[in-house]
Each structure stands twice: as C-alpha cells, then as structure tokens.
Amino acid sequence: MSMTPPPGWYRDPSYPLTERWWDGTAWTDHRRQPEALPEPLPAPGGGSRRGRVVALTAAGAVLVASIVTGAVLLGRDDDGGGTQSRTAPGSASPTPAPTGTSPSPSASTAGDPTVVVDELNGITLPLVDGWVKAENVSEDDVVMTTPGTYDCPGDPGLCRHGRVVSRTVTSNDEKSPKALAENDIEEAANNAYDRDQLDKRPFRGITSHELVKAGSVAVAGRAGYFVRWRVRTGVGPGGYVESLAFPSSTGSQSPVIVRFAFDAGDEGPPVSDMDEITRGIRPVGDADTGGGVGSSIGPGR
C-alpha cells in the first residue's frame, strides 16, 4: 500500500548528488548540496510506519521520514519557464537527507502576484510598492529585493538597495522570539554590510551601529519580537537592518526569522516598508490573520 511522503529534503531523482524539497505532493524547484549522505532507512514492513519526527538541536535536526517512491514525470511549470518533476508512488526510493542546516524557503511565483509564498515556513509576505520577487541572487533564503543592482562602493561587486530574507531557525533550542531577534541582529548586520558570501567587503565593513527600535510585534497572528539597527559603513551610506522573530504557524512551529537590510540615503527603500511588510505577513491560506506593532494576539497564539 503506497503512502504520500511528508514534506522534506530528499535525494533528487534527477540529480542524486543533490537534495530537493518535496512539498508533500510534488517536487519544487528548490535544491541544495547535502552535507553528507544519510544512512539508508530500512524498507517498511507489515507493522505501522513511524511518523516524521523533527528534533531541533545544536547539532541540527534529524528526520525520520517515509520513503519517497515513484517514477519521475517531467512537466512544465505553470508559467512555462522550466521543468518540474513530479513523483508518483511506485518504484524509485530517494532517501531523506539530514537537516543540519537551516532549510531555505522556496519562493513561489504561482498564484497571487502581490505576495511571495515561503512554503517551508508556511507564510506569505506582501510585495509592497518598489519590491520584486527575488531573482538571480546568490543567497537561497532571499525572498524579495528592490529591483536592479548597482556597483558596490567598496570591493568590486553588485549590490542591491534592499533585501528581505526568510529563514527557519534550526541551529539551537531557543524558542523566545525576543532572545532570537536579539541574538540574530549582529549576524544579520554583518551579512548585509560587512562581508558577503565571497568574503568580500562591498561597504568596507561596519564602523558603528545604534539601536533604532525594538519590541514586541504580532506576526501572522503570533507573538513575535523585532530589533532594528542603523549601521554605518566604511564607504557608502550604510543602512538599516532588522531581525524579526516569530513562531511558524505550520508543522512543529519552528521559529522563523525574517531579516531586512535597507540601504540608507535617497536610493534606499523607506524604512517604513519594514513595518508594512511585517503587517502583511500571513499564514499560507489565511488572508485574514495579520499583525503589526500594537496588534492583539488571541488565546493560544
């Protein structure tokens, strides 16, 4: 008797040396390189199947999942821009991969053009005026940017005036949104304005920072917390960085951190966009549950 496997990272049937996100019904276009190949799971027998258990620890998360089986059917995306592989229960057996690093969101381009869908964290983020869905960016967890690029004022490279990142917290056991946001803000600032992924310094590093704002906030109907810094850099106008932490409304309710990085100066997006985007974050499939500073949180949220 075949069973639909749960969402998770699995060996990509088309490219076995990579992992691909299975959303529970079909393969998405999101892939990553595995850190190590997992031990194969025993084939299911006549007894009951164990459920999927996710443990968030300092060493990472461990998945105990069912086996994805099937023959890969190649089809076109809804927009005709690429191929999408779908798996029907049957024969092949991709093995679930470990999740020692934070899984990256898959920004959907289907459906409502005014939002970005973060399928892994179960939220949608609004595309306010002056923002576009992330394209041609090196960081997997960037979900939206300001359009276009410019020459970085420091080390050679291309910079963007604004970026929004959505990521799942899997590196520790901390659950408090306040602690998560306070612990994340320095790393968020460094990633945006100190060193990039190629170890270059597009702004010649951060020379100083000051706390602009911090406090509790409702996000997608849940209690969150944010910390916002103004950073000054060796060259360029510097910018504003915010870490926003809140529990996901899906699955194990793993903590989510949304990072904002806005250039200061006339070319950067208005800082008020941070608040507008925060107010517009919704659980997937629930357009009525919003948030924002001063919003009330109902019982059990």
Protein backbone atom coordinates (compact mmCIF):
# COMPACT_ATOMS: atom_id res chain seq x y z
CA MET A 1 0.00 0.00 0.00
CA SER A 2 1.58 3.29 -1.14
CA MET A 3 1.67 6.38 1.10
CA THR A 4 2.31 10.02 0.22
CA PRO A 5 5.62 11.04 1.82
CA PRO A 6 5.67 14.12 4.08
CA PRO A 7 7.31 17.40 3.01
CA GLY A 8 11.08 17.36 3.42
CA TRP A 9 14.53 17.25 1.82
CA TYR A 10 15.18 14.11 -0.29
CA ARG A 11 17.66 12.87 -2.87
CA ASP A 12 16.78 14.49 -6.18
CA PRO A 13 15.76 11.67 -8.54
CA SER A 14 17.13 13.68 -11.49
CA TYR A 15 20.39 14.63 -9.75
CA PRO A 16 21.19 12.09 -6.99
CA LEU A 17 24.13 14.12 -5.59
CA THR A 18 21.81 16.98 -4.61
CA GLU A 19 18.82 17.29 -2.30
CA ARG A 20 15.46 18.63 -3.45
CA TRP A 21 12.43 19.89 -1.48
CA TRP A 22 9.32 17.67 -1.69
CA ASP A 23 6.24 19.72 -0.65
CA GLY A 24 4.10 16.67 0.08
CA THR A 25 2.56 16.45 -3.38
CA ALA A 26 5.26 17.40 -5.89
CA TRP A 27 8.92 18.34 -6.25
CA THR A 28 9.64 22.08 -6.02
CA ASP A 29 12.48 23.84 -7.86
CA HIS A 30 14.44 24.31 -4.60
CA ARG A 31 17.69 22.31 -4.38
CA ARG A 32 20.74 22.28 -2.17
CA GLN A 33 24.01 20.41 -1.72
CA PRO A 34 23.88 17.80 1.07
CA GLU A 35 26.50 17.94 3.80
CA ALA A 36 26.69 14.15 3.96
CA LEU A 37 24.81 11.18 2.59
CA PRO A 38 22.48 9.63 5.18
CA GLU A 39 22.32 6.03 6.20
CA PRO A 40 19.62 4.22 4.21
CA LEU A 41 16.36 3.62 6.03
CA PRO A 42 15.02 0.06 6.24
CA ALA A 43 12.18 -0.72 3.87
CA PRO A 44 8.73 -0.55 5.51
CA GLY A 45 7.36 -3.88 6.68
CA GLY A 46 3.95 -5.09 7.80
CA GLY A 47 3.92 -3.05 11.02
CA SER A 48 2.95 0.56 11.48
CA ARG A 49 5.10 3.28 9.94
CA ARG A 50 6.88 5.68 12.24
CA GLY A 51 5.89 9.32 11.83
CA ARG A 52 8.18 12.10 10.91
CA VAL A 53 9.97 13.50 13.96
CA VAL A 54 11.95 16.70 13.81
CA ALA A 55 14.29 17.49 16.69
CA LEU A 56 15.81 20.97 16.74
CA THR A 57 19.21 20.68 18.43
CA ALA A 58 22.58 22.36 18.30
CA ALA A 59 23.82 19.54 16.14
CA GLY A 60 20.93 20.03 13.69
CA ALA A 61 17.69 18.26 13.02
CA VAL A 62 17.16 14.61 12.34
CA LEU A 63 14.41 13.42 10.09
CA VAL A 64 12.71 10.08 10.43
CA ALA A 65 10.58 10.05 7.33
CA SER A 66 8.84 7.73 4.96
CA ILE A 67 10.44 6.86 1.65
CA VAL A 68 9.55 8.76 -1.47
CA THR A 69 8.83 6.26 -4.21
CA GLY A 70 7.94 6.62 -7.83
CA ALA A 71 8.83 7.29 -11.38
CA VAL A 72 9.71 10.90 -12.19
CA LEU A 73 7.28 12.63 -14.52
CA LEU A 74 8.61 15.78 -16.11
CA GLY A 75 6.20 18.63 -16.72
CA ARG A 76 6.28 22.30 -17.35
CA ASP A 77 5.80 24.96 -14.65
CA ASP A 78 2.57 26.91 -14.72
CA ASP A 79 4.38 29.86 -16.28
CA GLY A 80 6.12 27.67 -18.88
CA GLY A 81 9.52 28.82 -17.68
CA GLY A 82 11.07 25.47 -16.76
CA THR A 83 10.54 21.84 -15.93
CA GLN A 84 9.00 20.47 -12.77
CA SER A 85 9.40 16.85 -11.79
CA ARG A 86 6.55 15.03 -10.08
CA THR A 87 6.77 11.68 -8.38
CA ALA A 88 4.06 9.07 -8.48
CA PRO A 89 4.16 6.20 -5.94
CA GLY A 90 5.76 3.16 -7.48
CA SER A 91 9.41 2.23 -7.71
CA ALA A 92 12.36 4.58 -7.05
CA SER A 93 13.42 5.25 -3.41
CA PRO A 94 15.11 8.59 -2.71
CA THR A 95 16.47 8.62 0.84
CA PRO A 96 15.62 11.50 3.22
CA ALA A 97 18.64 13.73 3.88
CA PRO A 98 19.74 15.21 7.24
CA THR A 99 18.71 18.77 8.02
CA GLY A 100 21.71 20.03 9.94
CA THR A 101 21.47 23.48 8.36
CA SER A 102 18.56 25.84 8.11
CA PRO A 103 16.34 24.88 5.19
CA SER A 104 15.83 27.67 2.71
CA PRO A 105 12.47 28.96 1.65
CA SER A 106 11.05 28.25 -1.75
CA ALA A 107 9.61 31.49 -3.10
CA SER A 108 6.66 30.53 -5.25
CA THR A 109 5.89 32.54 -8.38
CA ALA A 110 2.49 30.94 -8.86
CA GLY A 111 -0.81 32.35 -7.69
CA ASP A 112 -1.15 35.86 -6.29
CA PRO A 113 1.44 38.18 -7.91
CA THR A 114 1.26 40.58 -4.95
CA VAL A 115 2.81 38.15 -2.43
CA VAL A 116 5.78 35.87 -2.05
CA VAL A 117 5.00 32.41 -0.66
CA ASP A 118 7.52 30.94 1.79
CA GLU A 119 6.30 27.35 1.62
CA LEU A 120 8.73 25.94 4.18
CA ASN A 121 7.70 28.37 6.92
CA GLY A 122 4.03 28.47 5.94
CA ILE A 123 3.80 32.24 5.42
CA THR A 124 3.23 34.75 2.65
CA LEU A 125 4.99 38.12 2.52
CA PRO A 126 3.47 41.10 0.68
CA LEU A 127 5.24 42.70 -2.28
CA VAL A 128 4.79 46.35 -1.41
CA ASP A 129 5.48 49.08 -3.94
CA GLY A 130 9.11 49.13 -5.04
CA TRP A 131 9.81 45.44 -4.36
CA VAL A 132 10.05 42.36 -6.58
CA LYS A 133 10.35 38.63 -6.02
CA ALA A 134 13.96 37.51 -5.63
CA GLU A 135 15.68 36.56 -8.88
CA ASN A 136 19.35 35.99 -9.72
CA VAL A 137 20.53 36.25 -6.11
CA SER A 138 23.24 34.04 -4.66
CA GLU A 139 21.64 33.61 -1.23
CA ASP A 140 18.97 30.92 -1.27
CA ASP A 141 16.87 32.41 1.52
CA VAL A 142 16.32 35.87 -0.02
CA VAL A 143 12.60 36.15 -0.84
CA MET A 144 12.36 39.70 -2.21
CA THR A 145 14.60 42.58 -3.28
CA THR A 146 14.42 46.07 -4.65
CA PRO A 147 14.65 45.94 -8.45
CA GLY A 148 18.01 46.32 -10.14
CA THR A 149 21.57 46.44 -8.85
CA TYR A 150 24.36 48.99 -8.51
CA ASP A 151 28.16 48.86 -8.25
CA CYS A 152 29.14 48.32 -4.62
CA PRO A 153 31.10 51.27 -3.20
CA GLY A 154 33.76 49.01 -1.66
CA ASP A 155 35.11 45.76 -3.05
CA PRO A 156 34.01 45.15 -6.66
CA GLY A 157 30.60 43.55 -6.99
CA LEU A 158 26.90 44.23 -7.45
CA CYS A 159 24.77 45.43 -4.55
CA ARG A 160 21.02 45.91 -4.03
CA HIS A 161 19.38 48.74 -2.13
CA GLY A 162 17.07 46.38 -0.24
CA ARG A 163 16.69 42.70 0.59
CA VAL A 164 14.30 40.62 2.68
CA VAL A 165 15.34 37.16 3.90
CA SER A 166 13.13 34.46 5.46
CA ARG A 167 14.78 31.54 7.22
CA THR A 168 13.98 28.74 9.65
CA VAL A 169 15.87 28.53 12.94
CA THR A 170 17.32 25.03 13.42
CA SER A 171 20.71 25.80 14.98
CA ASN A 172 19.63 25.92 18.63
CA ASP A 173 16.86 25.15 21.10
CA GLU A 174 15.97 28.78 21.81
CA LYS A 175 12.25 29.48 21.39
CA SER A 176 11.88 33.00 22.73
CA PRO A 177 11.30 35.45 19.85
CA LYS A 178 12.94 38.22 21.90
CA ALA A 179 16.12 36.21 22.51
CA LEU A 180 16.22 35.00 18.91
CA ALA A 181 15.92 38.50 17.47
CA GLU A 182 18.47 39.98 19.88
CA ASN A 183 20.94 37.18 19.15
CA ASP A 184 20.45 37.40 15.38
CA ILE A 185 20.74 41.13 14.70
CA GLU A 186 24.55 41.29 14.73
CA GLU A 187 24.87 38.41 12.26
CA ALA A 188 22.16 39.98 10.09
CA ALA A 189 24.07 43.27 10.02
CA ASN A 190 27.37 41.58 9.23
CA ASN A 191 25.85 39.54 6.41
CA ALA A 192 24.34 42.66 4.87
CA TYR A 193 27.09 45.23 5.33
CA ASP A 194 30.33 43.61 6.48
CA ARG A 195 31.39 40.57 4.43
CA ASP A 196 29.48 38.84 1.66
CA GLN A 197 29.44 35.14 0.77
CA LEU A 198 32.65 35.55 -1.26
CA ASP A 199 34.38 37.12 1.77
CA LYS A 200 34.46 40.49 0.04
CA ARG A 201 33.67 43.76 1.80
CA PRO A 202 31.31 45.65 -0.51
CA PHE A 203 30.96 48.51 2.02
CA ARG A 204 34.39 48.21 3.68
CA GLY A 205 32.82 46.83 6.81
CA ILE A 206 30.67 48.24 9.61
CA THR A 207 32.20 51.10 11.58
CA SER A 208 29.37 51.59 14.12
CA HIS A 209 25.76 50.78 14.87
CA GLU A 210 22.95 52.13 17.01
CA LEU A 211 19.68 50.64 18.21
CA VAL A 212 16.79 52.36 16.45
CA LYS A 213 13.83 50.36 17.65
CA ALA A 214 12.94 47.07 19.34
CA GLY A 215 9.85 45.50 20.81
CA SER A 216 7.02 43.00 20.67
CA VAL A 217 5.02 42.63 17.48
CA ALA A 218 2.23 40.40 16.18
CA VAL A 219 3.23 38.46 13.07
CA ALA A 220 0.75 36.29 11.18
CA GLY A 221 -1.38 36.09 14.34
CA ARG A 222 1.51 35.05 16.58
CA ALA A 223 3.63 36.84 19.16
CA GLY A 224 6.97 37.95 17.78
CA TYR A 225 9.78 40.38 18.51
CA PHE A 226 11.99 42.64 16.39
CA VAL A 227 15.29 44.51 16.75
CA ARG A 228 16.28 47.28 14.30
CA TRP A 229 19.77 48.79 13.93
CA ARG A 230 21.16 51.73 11.98
CA VAL A 231 24.63 50.75 10.77
CA ARG A 232 27.37 52.98 9.36
CA THR A 233 29.93 51.60 6.98
CA GLY A 234 33.45 52.38 5.77
CA VAL A 235 32.09 53.60 2.44
CA GLY A 236 28.58 54.22 1.21
CA PRO A 237 25.56 55.45 3.14
CA GLY A 238 25.27 52.44 5.47
CA GLY A 239 21.81 51.12 6.14
CA TYR A 240 19.07 49.80 8.39
CA VAL A 241 18.96 46.16 9.47
CA GLU A 242 16.17 44.36 11.31
CA SER A 243 15.76 40.86 12.72
CA LEU A 244 12.12 39.79 13.18
CA ALA A 245 11.49 36.50 15.03
CA PHE A 246 8.21 34.63 15.48
CA PRO A 247 6.94 31.01 15.59
CA SER A 248 5.79 29.40 12.37
CA SER A 249 2.11 28.51 12.13
CA THR A 250 2.85 25.19 10.45
CA GLY A 251 4.35 21.82 11.37
CA SER A 252 6.45 21.86 14.52
CA GLN A 253 6.05 25.68 14.76
CA SER A 254 9.80 26.12 14.37
CA PRO A 255 10.94 29.71 14.93
CA VAL A 256 11.19 31.89 11.83
CA ILE A 257 13.49 34.87 11.39
CA VAL A 258 12.80 37.47 8.72
CA ARG A 259 15.76 39.77 8.09
CA PHE A 260 15.50 43.21 6.50
CA ALA A 261 18.51 45.07 5.02
CA PHE A 262 17.76 48.54 3.59
CA ASP A 263 20.37 50.99 2.32
CA ALA A 264 20.16 54.39 3.93
CA GLY A 265 20.08 57.57 1.83
CA ASP A 266 17.88 58.67 -1.02
CA GLU A 267 18.36 55.50 -3.06
CA GLY A 268 17.34 53.10 -0.29
CA PRO A 269 13.75 51.98 0.31
CA PRO A 270 11.78 53.77 3.06
CA VAL A 271 12.29 52.22 6.47
CA SER A 272 8.51 52.20 6.87
CA ASP A 273 8.47 49.30 4.36
CA MET A 274 9.78 47.08 7.17
CA ASP A 275 6.62 47.74 9.19
CA GLU A 276 4.36 47.44 6.14
CA ILE A 277 5.81 44.07 5.16
CA THR A 278 5.56 42.87 8.76
CA ARG A 279 1.89 43.83 8.93
CA GLY A 280 1.22 41.97 5.70
CA ILE A 281 2.79 38.63 6.65
CA ARG A 282 0.06 35.97 6.68
CA PRO A 283 -0.16 32.23 7.29
CA VAL A 284 -0.46 30.38 3.98
CA GLY A 285 -4.16 30.00 3.15
CA ASP A 286 -5.28 32.54 5.78
CA ALA A 287 -5.57 36.02 4.31
CA ASP A 288 -7.36 37.44 7.37
CA THR A 289 -4.74 36.79 10.07
CA GLY A 290 -2.28 39.65 10.09
CA GLY A 291 -0.24 41.52 12.66
CA GLY A 292 1.91 44.57 13.30
CA VAL A 293 3.01 46.61 16.29
CA GLY A 294 0.08 47.02 18.67
CA SER A 295 -1.95 44.17 17.22
CA SER A 296 -3.57 41.84 19.72
CA ILE A 297 -2.76 38.16 19.92
CA GLY A 298 -5.65 35.81 20.57
CA PRO A 299 -5.70 33.00 23.16
CA GLY A 300 -3.28 30.17 22.47
CA ARG A 301 -1.27 32.11 19.88
